[in-house]
């Protein structure tokens, strides 16, 4: 199965709900991306979704949702933390050729795949970096250097904040992609974002056009510099998430209200 004309037409119809459109180069890039991903998926684990129509909605359309809410614009520097198979970074980079994207992943095979994809698609606005967010965010060239940080399918919201907000300039934003149960994490997100210099500013809840998939984007604004102790060492954000750093009993009590 490939990204045929009917799938492309349905994808474009869905994009129109968000006032987004594709030119011929972008159409070809999405088609080629799909074929490359499905081919490489037989060698390394990239996605469990292999139906092109579902890829178009659940991967591509979902990835570009920030554009529907004007969260990313030209000349911005955007980092996609834990990009995996390239989501949300690659679809956004295809639609935003004037925006700079840095895709970060800790799996060398996926980084090699992403570098090949960017070369094959001619995406000159994308850099692919191998490494762990906890280590890269300590490096001068990455720390507080981006207007926007993205995390999709990354983990619990407090882990996301610790691994994304250190990359963001003061005044910029971190965006985490969440599903229909976003409210279950929201209080924790609000309580922990300030530890790393942020504040939950808004939650966009929506249904992906032409589908019944309920999604959400949680936006944290960077209000102050992240303390140098964050992010903590590799593995610590998962083993001892921020919710445990600040009065876990208080978080539990508020979550039960």
C-alpha atoms as a PDB file:
ATOM      1  CA  UNK A   1       0.000   0.000   0.000  1.00  0.00           C
ATOM      2  CA  UNK A   2       1.213   3.503  -0.727  1.00  0.00           C
ATOM      3  CA  UNK A   3       0.113   7.094  -0.399  1.00  0.00           C
ATOM      4  CA  UNK A   4      -2.111   7.122  -3.505  1.00  0.00           C
ATOM      5  CA  UNK A   5      -4.123   9.927  -5.050  1.00  0.00           C
ATOM      6  CA  UNK A   6      -7.288   9.131  -3.067  1.00  0.00           C
ATOM      7  CA  UNK A   7      -5.421   9.152   0.254  1.00  0.00           C
ATOM      8  CA  UNK A   8      -3.707  12.398  -0.712  1.00  0.00           C
ATOM      9  CA  UNK A   9      -7.064  13.969  -1.636  1.00  0.00           C
ATOM     10  CA  UNK A  10      -8.591  13.003   1.716  1.00  0.00           C
ATOM     11  CA  UNK A  11      -5.545  14.336   3.542  1.00  0.00           C
ATOM     12  CA  UNK A  12      -5.844  17.647   1.724  1.00  0.00           C
ATOM     13  CA  UNK A  13      -9.566  17.808   2.510  1.00  0.00           C
ATOM     14  CA  UNK A  14      -8.728  17.377   6.197  1.00  0.00           C
ATOM     15  CA  UNK A  15      -6.073  20.102   6.031  1.00  0.00           C
ATOM     16  CA  UNK A  16      -8.619  22.514   4.543  1.00  0.00           C
ATOM     17  CA  UNK A  17     -10.555  22.418   7.831  1.00  0.00           C
ATOM     18  CA  UNK A  18      -7.539  24.182   9.332  1.00  0.00           C
ATOM     19  CA  UNK A  19      -7.033  26.505   6.349  1.00  0.00           C
ATOM     20  CA  UNK A  20      -3.894  24.608   5.353  1.00  0.00           C
ATOM     21  CA  UNK A  21      -2.982  23.480   1.847  1.00  0.00           C
ATOM     22  CA  UNK A  22      -0.223  21.704  -0.048  1.00  0.00           C
ATOM     23  CA  UNK A  23       1.731  22.718  -3.110  1.00  0.00           C
ATOM     24  CA  UNK A  24       3.008  20.148  -5.587  1.00  0.00           C
ATOM     25  CA  UNK A  25       6.394  19.768  -3.886  1.00  0.00           C
ATOM     26  CA  UNK A  26       4.724  19.159  -0.529  1.00  0.00           C
ATOM     27  CA  UNK A  27       2.372  16.587  -2.043  1.00  0.00           C
ATOM     28  CA  UNK A  28       5.313  14.672  -3.474  1.00  0.00           C
ATOM     29  CA  UNK A  29       7.170  14.849  -0.176  1.00  0.00           C
ATOM     30  CA  UNK A  30       4.288  13.382   1.832  1.00  0.00           C
ATOM     31  CA  UNK A  31       3.899  10.590  -0.697  1.00  0.00           C
ATOM     32  CA  UNK A  32       7.615   9.832  -0.636  1.00  0.00           C
ATOM     33  CA  UNK A  33       7.768  10.032   3.156  1.00  0.00           C
ATOM     34  CA  UNK A  34       5.022   7.436   3.449  1.00  0.00           C
ATOM     35  CA  UNK A  35       6.722   5.031   1.066  1.00  0.00           C
ATOM     36  CA  UNK A  36      10.104   5.419   2.782  1.00  0.00           C
ATOM     37  CA  UNK A  37       8.613   4.938   6.245  1.00  0.00           C
ATOM     38  CA  UNK A  38       6.701   1.797   5.279  1.00  0.00           C
ATOM     39  CA  UNK A  39       9.788   0.378   3.562  1.00  0.00           C
ATOM     40  CA  UNK A  40      12.061   1.040   6.534  1.00  0.00           C
ATOM     41  CA  UNK A  41       9.396  -0.135   8.948  1.00  0.00           C
ATOM     42  CA  UNK A  42      10.131  -3.669   7.781  1.00  0.00           C
ATOM     43  CA  UNK A  43      13.698  -3.287   9.077  1.00  0.00           C
ATOM     44  CA  UNK A  44      13.347  -1.119  12.178  1.00  0.00           C
ATOM     45  CA  UNK A  45      10.321  -0.398  14.321  1.00  0.00           C
ATOM     46  CA  UNK A  46       8.982   2.998  13.259  1.00  0.00           C
ATOM     47  CA  UNK A  47       5.199   2.756  13.517  1.00  0.00           C
ATOM     48  CA  UNK A  48       2.432   0.263  14.217  1.00  0.00           C
ATOM     49  CA  UNK A  49       0.163   2.206  11.845  1.00  0.00           C
ATOM     50  CA  UNK A  50       0.705   0.931   8.311  1.00  0.00           C
ATOM     51  CA  UNK A  51      -2.517   1.908   6.541  1.00  0.00           C
ATOM     52  CA  UNK A  52      -1.669   5.037   4.493  1.00  0.00           C
ATOM     53  CA  UNK A  53      -5.046   6.642   5.232  1.00  0.00           C
ATOM     54  CA  UNK A  54      -4.502   6.223   8.979  1.00  0.00           C
ATOM     55  CA  UNK A  55      -0.929   7.466   8.630  1.00  0.00           C
ATOM     56  CA  UNK A  56      -2.274  10.598   6.941  1.00  0.00           C
ATOM     57  CA  UNK A  57      -4.663  11.362   9.816  1.00  0.00           C
ATOM     58  CA  UNK A  58      -3.076   9.889  12.936  1.00  0.00           C
ATOM     59  CA  UNK A  59       0.524  10.845  12.113  1.00  0.00           C
ATOM     60  CA  UNK A  60       0.588  13.668   9.563  1.00  0.00           C
ATOM     61  CA  UNK A  61      -2.561  15.613  10.431  1.00  0.00           C
ATOM     62  CA  UNK A  62      -2.004  15.164  14.161  1.00  0.00           C
ATOM     63  CA  UNK A  63       1.597  16.372  13.814  1.00  0.00           C
ATOM     64  CA  UNK A  64       0.679  19.647  12.110  1.00  0.00           C
ATOM     65  CA  UNK A  65      -2.078  20.563  14.594  1.00  0.00           C
ATOM     66  CA  UNK A  66       0.004  23.448  16.073  1.00  0.00           C
ATOM     67  CA  UNK A  67      -0.374  25.232  12.733  1.00  0.00           C
ATOM     68  CA  UNK A  68      -4.151  25.270  13.161  1.00  0.00           C
ATOM     69  CA  UNK A  69      -3.657  27.355  16.311  1.00  0.00           C
ATOM     70  CA  UNK A  70      -0.906  29.613  14.909  1.00  0.00           C
ATOM     71  CA  UNK A  71       1.678  28.277  17.349  1.00  0.00           C
ATOM     72  CA  UNK A  72       4.494  27.958  14.801  1.00  0.00           C
ATOM     73  CA  UNK A  73       5.452  30.540  12.214  1.00  0.00           C
ATOM     74  CA  UNK A  74       8.203  31.405   9.765  1.00  0.00           C
ATOM     75  CA  UNK A  75      11.727  32.106  10.993  1.00  0.00           C
ATOM     76  CA  UNK A  76      11.169  30.239  14.264  1.00  0.00           C
ATOM     77  CA  UNK A  77      13.628  27.671  15.599  1.00  0.00           C
ATOM     78  CA  UNK A  78      11.760  24.514  16.649  1.00  0.00           C
ATOM     79  CA  UNK A  79      13.066  21.399  18.397  1.00  0.00           C
ATOM     80  CA  UNK A  80      11.240  18.058  18.334  1.00  0.00           C
ATOM     81  CA  UNK A  81      12.342  16.073  21.399  1.00  0.00           C
ATOM     82  CA  UNK A  82      12.090  12.293  21.141  1.00  0.00           C
ATOM     83  CA  UNK A  83      10.992  12.501  17.523  1.00  0.00           C
ATOM     84  CA  UNK A  84      11.019   8.729  16.902  1.00  0.00           C
ATOM     85  CA  UNK A  85       9.922   8.184  13.308  1.00  0.00           C
ATOM     86  CA  UNK A  86       9.940  11.946  12.764  1.00  0.00           C
ATOM     87  CA  UNK A  87       6.654  13.014  14.320  1.00  0.00           C
ATOM     88  CA  UNK A  88       5.697  15.764  14.649  1.00  0.00           C
ATOM     89  CA  UNK A  89       8.839  17.297  13.163  1.00  0.00           C
ATOM     90  CA  UNK A  90       8.852  15.981   9.596  1.00  0.00           C
ATOM     91  CA  UNK A  91       5.251  16.851   8.621  1.00  0.00           C
ATOM     92  CA  UNK A  92       5.704  20.300  10.146  1.00  0.00           C
ATOM     93  CA  UNK A  93       8.972  20.805   8.287  1.00  0.00           C
ATOM     94  CA  UNK A  94       7.287  19.881   5.003  1.00  0.00           C
ATOM     95  CA  UNK A  95       4.521  22.433   5.574  1.00  0.00           C
ATOM     96  CA  UNK A  96       6.836  25.128   6.998  1.00  0.00           C
ATOM     97  CA  UNK A  97       9.890  25.384   4.700  1.00  0.00           C
ATOM     98  CA  UNK A  98      10.914  28.751   6.194  1.00  0.00           C
ATOM     99  CA  UNK A  99      11.018  27.384   9.748  1.00  0.00           C
ATOM    100  CA  UNK A 100      14.105  25.693  11.197  1.00  0.00           C
ATOM    101  CA  UNK A 101      13.580  22.261  12.787  1.00  0.00           C
ATOM    102  CA  UNK A 102      15.908  20.190  14.944  1.00  0.00           C
ATOM    103  CA  UNK A 103      14.851  16.573  15.416  1.00  0.00           C
ATOM    104  CA  UNK A 104      16.304  14.756  18.424  1.00  0.00           C
ATOM    105  CA  UNK A 105      16.222  11.042  19.168  1.00  0.00           C
ATOM    106  CA  UNK A 106      18.289   8.668  21.292  1.00  0.00           C
ATOM    107  CA  UNK A 107      18.057   5.686  18.914  1.00  0.00           C
ATOM    108  CA  UNK A 108      20.847   5.659  16.336  1.00  0.00           C
ATOM    109  CA  UNK A 109      18.897   3.577  13.802  1.00  0.00           C
ATOM    110  CA  UNK A 110      16.042   6.079  13.831  1.00  0.00           C
ATOM    111  CA  UNK A 111      18.445   8.986  13.484  1.00  0.00           C
ATOM    112  CA  UNK A 112      20.054   7.282  10.476  1.00  0.00           C
ATOM    113  CA  UNK A 113      16.599   6.763   8.972  1.00  0.00           C
ATOM    114  CA  UNK A 114      15.619  10.401   9.552  1.00  0.00           C
ATOM    115  CA  UNK A 115      18.842  11.690   8.007  1.00  0.00           C
ATOM    116  CA  UNK A 116      18.174   9.548   4.926  1.00  0.00           C
ATOM    117  CA  UNK A 117      14.580  10.824   4.714  1.00  0.00           C
ATOM    118  CA  UNK A 118      15.637  14.462   4.920  1.00  0.00           C
ATOM    119  CA  UNK A 119      18.168  13.873   2.153  1.00  0.00           C
ATOM    120  CA  UNK A 120      15.676  12.024  -0.068  1.00  0.00           C
ATOM    121  CA  UNK A 121      12.979  14.674   0.471  1.00  0.00           C
ATOM    122  CA  UNK A 122      15.383  17.597   0.070  1.00  0.00           C
ATOM    123  CA  UNK A 123      14.449  19.069   3.458  1.00  0.00           C
ATOM    124  CA  UNK A 124      17.124  21.704   3.969  1.00  0.00           C
ATOM    125  CA  UNK A 125      15.348  23.183   6.999  1.00  0.00           C
ATOM    126  CA  UNK A 126      15.898  20.112   9.199  1.00  0.00           C
ATOM    127  CA  UNK A 127      18.816  18.988  11.373  1.00  0.00           C
ATOM    128  CA  UNK A 128      18.744  15.532  12.946  1.00  0.00           C
ATOM    129  CA  UNK A 129      20.647  15.026  16.198  1.00  0.00           C
ATOM    130  CA  UNK A 130      21.405  11.802  18.039  1.00  0.00           C
ATOM    131  CA  UNK A 131      21.347  12.066  21.826  1.00  0.00           C
ATOM    132  CA  UNK A 132      19.372  12.135  25.049  1.00  0.00           C
ATOM    133  CA  UNK A 133      17.421  15.282  25.869  1.00  0.00           C
ATOM    134  CA  UNK A 134      18.824  15.313  29.413  1.00  0.00           C
ATOM    135  CA  UNK A 135      22.359  15.647  28.014  1.00  0.00           C
ATOM    136  CA  UNK A 136      21.716  17.829  24.976  1.00  0.00           C
ATOM    137  CA  UNK A 137      19.810  20.414  27.029  1.00  0.00           C
ATOM    138  CA  UNK A 138      22.978  21.004  29.055  1.00  0.00           C
ATOM    139  CA  UNK A 139      24.975  21.965  25.975  1.00  0.00           C
ATOM    140  CA  UNK A 140      25.408  25.662  25.257  1.00  0.00           C
ATOM    141  CA  UNK A 141      24.346  25.450  21.612  1.00  0.00           C
ATOM    142  CA  UNK A 142      21.001  23.902  22.546  1.00  0.00           C
ATOM    143  CA  UNK A 143      20.099  25.289  25.950  1.00  0.00           C
ATOM    144  CA  UNK A 144      17.405  27.983  25.804  1.00  0.00           C
ATOM    145  CA  UNK A 145      18.024  28.370  22.061  1.00  0.00           C
ATOM    146  CA  UNK A 146      14.615  27.498  20.585  1.00  0.00           C
ATOM    147  CA  UNK A 147      11.357  29.364  20.164  1.00  0.00           C
ATOM    148  CA  UNK A 148       9.295  26.179  20.386  1.00  0.00           C
ATOM    149  CA  UNK A 149       9.906  22.699  21.789  1.00  0.00           C
ATOM    150  CA  UNK A 150       7.631  19.816  20.807  1.00  0.00           C
ATOM    151  CA  UNK A 151       7.034  16.408  22.376  1.00  0.00           C
ATOM    152  CA  UNK A 152       4.598  13.833  21.032  1.00  0.00           C
ATOM    153  CA  UNK A 153       4.114  10.388  22.604  1.00  0.00           C
ATOM    154  CA  UNK A 154       6.990  11.258  24.927  1.00  0.00           C
ATOM    155  CA  UNK A 155       5.595  10.403  28.340  1.00  0.00           C
ATOM    156  CA  UNK A 156       3.936  11.927  31.388  1.00  0.00           C
ATOM    157  CA  UNK A 157       3.523  15.681  31.288  1.00  0.00           C
ATOM    158  CA  UNK A 158       6.023  16.484  34.050  1.00  0.00           C
ATOM    159  CA  UNK A 159       8.675  14.405  32.264  1.00  0.00           C
ATOM    160  CA  UNK A 160       7.893  16.358  29.103  1.00  0.00           C
ATOM    161  CA  UNK A 161       8.372  19.715  30.828  1.00  0.00           C
ATOM    162  CA  UNK A 162      11.724  18.704  32.308  1.00  0.00           C
ATOM    163  CA  UNK A 163      13.006  17.465  28.945  1.00  0.00           C
ATOM    164  CA  UNK A 164      11.658  20.279  26.750  1.00  0.00           C
ATOM    165  CA  UNK A 165      11.528  23.596  28.625  1.00  0.00           C
ATOM    166  CA  UNK A 166      15.330  23.737  29.170  1.00  0.00           C
ATOM    167  CA  UNK A 167      15.654  24.009  25.365  1.00  0.00           C
ATOM    168  CA  UNK A 168      13.228  26.949  25.135  1.00  0.00           C
ATOM    169  CA  UNK A 169      14.101  30.652  25.165  1.00  0.00           C
ATOM    170  CA  UNK A 170      12.412  32.818  27.766  1.00  0.00           C
ATOM    171  CA  UNK A 171       9.194  33.913  26.075  1.00  0.00           C
ATOM    172  CA  UNK A 172       8.977  30.771  23.955  1.00  0.00           C
ATOM    173  CA  UNK A 173       6.715  27.771  24.422  1.00  0.00           C
ATOM    174  CA  UNK A 174       6.789  24.017  24.905  1.00  0.00           C
ATOM    175  CA  UNK A 175       3.968  21.996  23.351  1.00  0.00           C
ATOM    176  CA  UNK A 176       3.045  18.495  24.403  1.00  0.00           C
ATOM    177  CA  UNK A 177       0.617  16.414  22.345  1.00  0.00           C
ATOM    178  CA  UNK A 178      -1.962  14.583  24.432  1.00  0.00           C
ATOM    179  CA  UNK A 179      -5.069  12.483  23.926  1.00  0.00           C
ATOM    180  CA  UNK A 180      -8.628  12.595  25.289  1.00  0.00           C
ATOM    181  CA  UNK A 181      -7.486  11.959  28.887  1.00  0.00           C
ATOM    182  CA  UNK A 182      -5.448  15.166  29.041  1.00  0.00           C
ATOM    183  CA  UNK A 183      -7.368  16.408  32.091  1.00  0.00           C
ATOM    184  CA  UNK A 184      -5.954  13.518  34.121  1.00  0.00           C
ATOM    185  CA  UNK A 185      -2.471  15.043  33.790  1.00  0.00           C
ATOM    186  CA  UNK A 186      -3.282  18.729  33.693  1.00  0.00           C
ATOM    187  CA  UNK A 187      -3.028  19.502  37.401  1.00  0.00           C
ATOM    188  CA  UNK A 188       0.368  17.824  37.567  1.00  0.00           C
ATOM    189  CA  UNK A 189       1.422  19.809  34.516  1.00  0.00           C
ATOM    190  CA  UNK A 190       0.378  23.085  36.095  1.00  0.00           C
ATOM    191  CA  UNK A 191       2.150  22.297  39.360  1.00  0.00           C
ATOM    192  CA  UNK A 192       5.446  21.141  37.850  1.00  0.00           C
ATOM    193  CA  UNK A 193       6.026  23.536  34.922  1.00  0.00           C
ATOM    194  CA  UNK A 194       7.189  26.367  37.247  1.00  0.00           C
ATOM    195  CA  UNK A 195      10.048  24.188  38.530  1.00  0.00           C
ATOM    196  CA  UNK A 196      11.690  24.426  35.101  1.00  0.00           C
ATOM    197  CA  UNK A 197      10.742  28.030  34.338  1.00  0.00           C
ATOM    198  CA  UNK A 198       7.371  27.529  32.706  1.00  0.00           C
ATOM    199  CA  UNK A 199       3.660  28.034  33.200  1.00  0.00           C
ATOM    200  CA  UNK A 200       0.811  26.134  31.574  1.00  0.00           C
ATOM    201  CA  UNK A 201      -0.802  28.831  29.472  1.00  0.00           C
ATOM    202  CA  UNK A 202      -3.497  27.080  27.460  1.00  0.00           C
ATOM    203  CA  UNK A 203      -4.927  23.735  26.397  1.00  0.00           C
ATOM    204  CA  UNK A 204      -6.300  23.312  22.893  1.00  0.00           C
ATOM    205  CA  UNK A 205      -8.778  20.423  22.733  1.00  0.00           C
ATOM    206  CA  UNK A 206      -9.993  19.346  19.307  1.00  0.00           C
ATOM    207  CA  UNK A 207     -11.059  16.494  17.060  1.00  0.00           C
ATOM    208  CA  UNK A 208      -8.832  15.689  14.092  1.00  0.00           C
ATOM    209  CA  UNK A 209     -10.769  16.747  10.967  1.00  0.00           C
ATOM    210  CA  UNK A 210     -12.534  13.967   9.045  1.00  0.00           C
ATOM    211  CA  UNK A 211     -12.071  11.614  12.011  1.00  0.00           C
ATOM    212  CA  UNK A 212     -13.315  11.003  15.543  1.00  0.00           C
ATOM    213  CA  UNK A 213      -9.863  11.136  17.149  1.00  0.00           C
ATOM    214  CA  UNK A 214      -9.899  13.508  20.125  1.00  0.00           C
ATOM    215  CA  UNK A 215      -6.622  15.258  20.752  1.00  0.00           C
ATOM    216  CA  UNK A 216      -5.141  18.085  22.832  1.00  0.00           C
ATOM    217  CA  UNK A 217      -2.144  20.396  22.785  1.00  0.00           C
ATOM    218  CA  UNK A 218      -0.914  21.628  26.157  1.00  0.00           C
ATOM    219  CA  UNK A 219       1.062  24.864  25.925  1.00  0.00           C
ATOM    220  CA  UNK A 220       3.616  25.922  28.556  1.00  0.00           C
ATOM    221  CA  UNK A 221       5.101  29.404  28.277  1.00  0.00           C
ATOM    222  CA  UNK A 222       8.754  29.870  29.315  1.00  0.00           C
ATOM    223  CA  UNK A 223       8.682  32.693  31.884  1.00  0.00           C
ATOM    224  CA  UNK A 224      12.165  32.438  33.390  1.00  0.00           C
ATOM    225  CA  UNK A 225      15.470  30.681  32.894  1.00  0.00           C
ATOM    226  CA  UNK A 226      15.457  27.004  33.780  1.00  0.00           C
ATOM    227  CA  UNK A 227      17.564  26.332  36.900  1.00  0.00           C
ATOM    228  CA  UNK A 228      20.875  24.759  35.920  1.00  0.00           C
ATOM    229  CA  UNK A 229      20.111  21.561  37.818  1.00  0.00           C
ATOM    230  CA  UNK A 230      17.446  20.731  35.244  1.00  0.00           C
ATOM    231  CA  UNK A 231      17.150  18.518  33.383  1.00  0.00           C
ATOM    232  CA  UNK A 232      18.541  15.987  35.808  1.00  0.00           C
ATOM    233  CA  UNK A 233      20.801  13.111  34.727  1.00  0.00           C
ATOM    234  CA  UNK A 234      19.719  10.591  32.102  1.00  0.00           C
ATOM    235  CA  UNK A 235      16.897   8.394  33.385  1.00  0.00           C
ATOM    236  CA  UNK A 236      16.154  10.424  36.505  1.00  0.00           C
ATOM    237  CA  UNK A 237      13.136  12.314  35.060  1.00  0.00           C
ATOM    238  CA  UNK A 238      11.427   8.960  34.486  1.00  0.00           C
ATOM    239  CA  UNK A 239      12.557   7.316  37.733  1.00  0.00           C
ATOM    240  CA  UNK A 240      11.766  10.317  39.936  1.00  0.00           C
ATOM    241  CA  UNK A 241       9.456  12.628  37.988  1.00  0.00           C
ATOM    242  CA  UNK A 242       8.898  16.231  39.029  1.00  0.00           C
ATOM    243  CA  UNK A 243       5.563  15.358  40.602  1.00  0.00           C
ATOM    244  CA  UNK A 244       7.558  13.628  43.339  1.00  0.00           C
ATOM    245  CA  UNK A 245       9.895  16.581  43.780  1.00  0.00           C
ATOM    246  CA  UNK A 246       7.094  18.857  44.932  1.00  0.00           C
ATOM    247  CA  UNK A 247       4.855  17.564  47.713  1.00  0.00           C
ATOM    248  CA  UNK A 248       3.360  14.498  46.022  1.00  0.00           C
ATOM    249  CA  UNK A 249       0.637  14.311  48.673  1.00  0.00           C
ATOM    250  CA  UNK A 250      -0.495  17.807  47.674  1.00  0.00           C
ATOM    251  CA  UNK A 251      -0.699  16.786  44.019  1.00  0.00           C
ATOM    252  CA  UNK A 252      -2.754  13.744  44.887  1.00  0.00           C
ATOM    253  CA  UNK A 253      -5.109  15.816  47.027  1.00  0.00           C
ATOM    254  CA  UNK A 254      -5.662  18.389  44.259  1.00  0.00           C
ATOM    255  CA  UNK A 255      -6.106  15.673  41.652  1.00  0.00           C
ATOM    256  CA  UNK A 256      -9.037  14.252  43.605  1.00  0.00           C
ATOM    257  CA  UNK A 257     -11.007  17.489  43.672  1.00  0.00           C
END
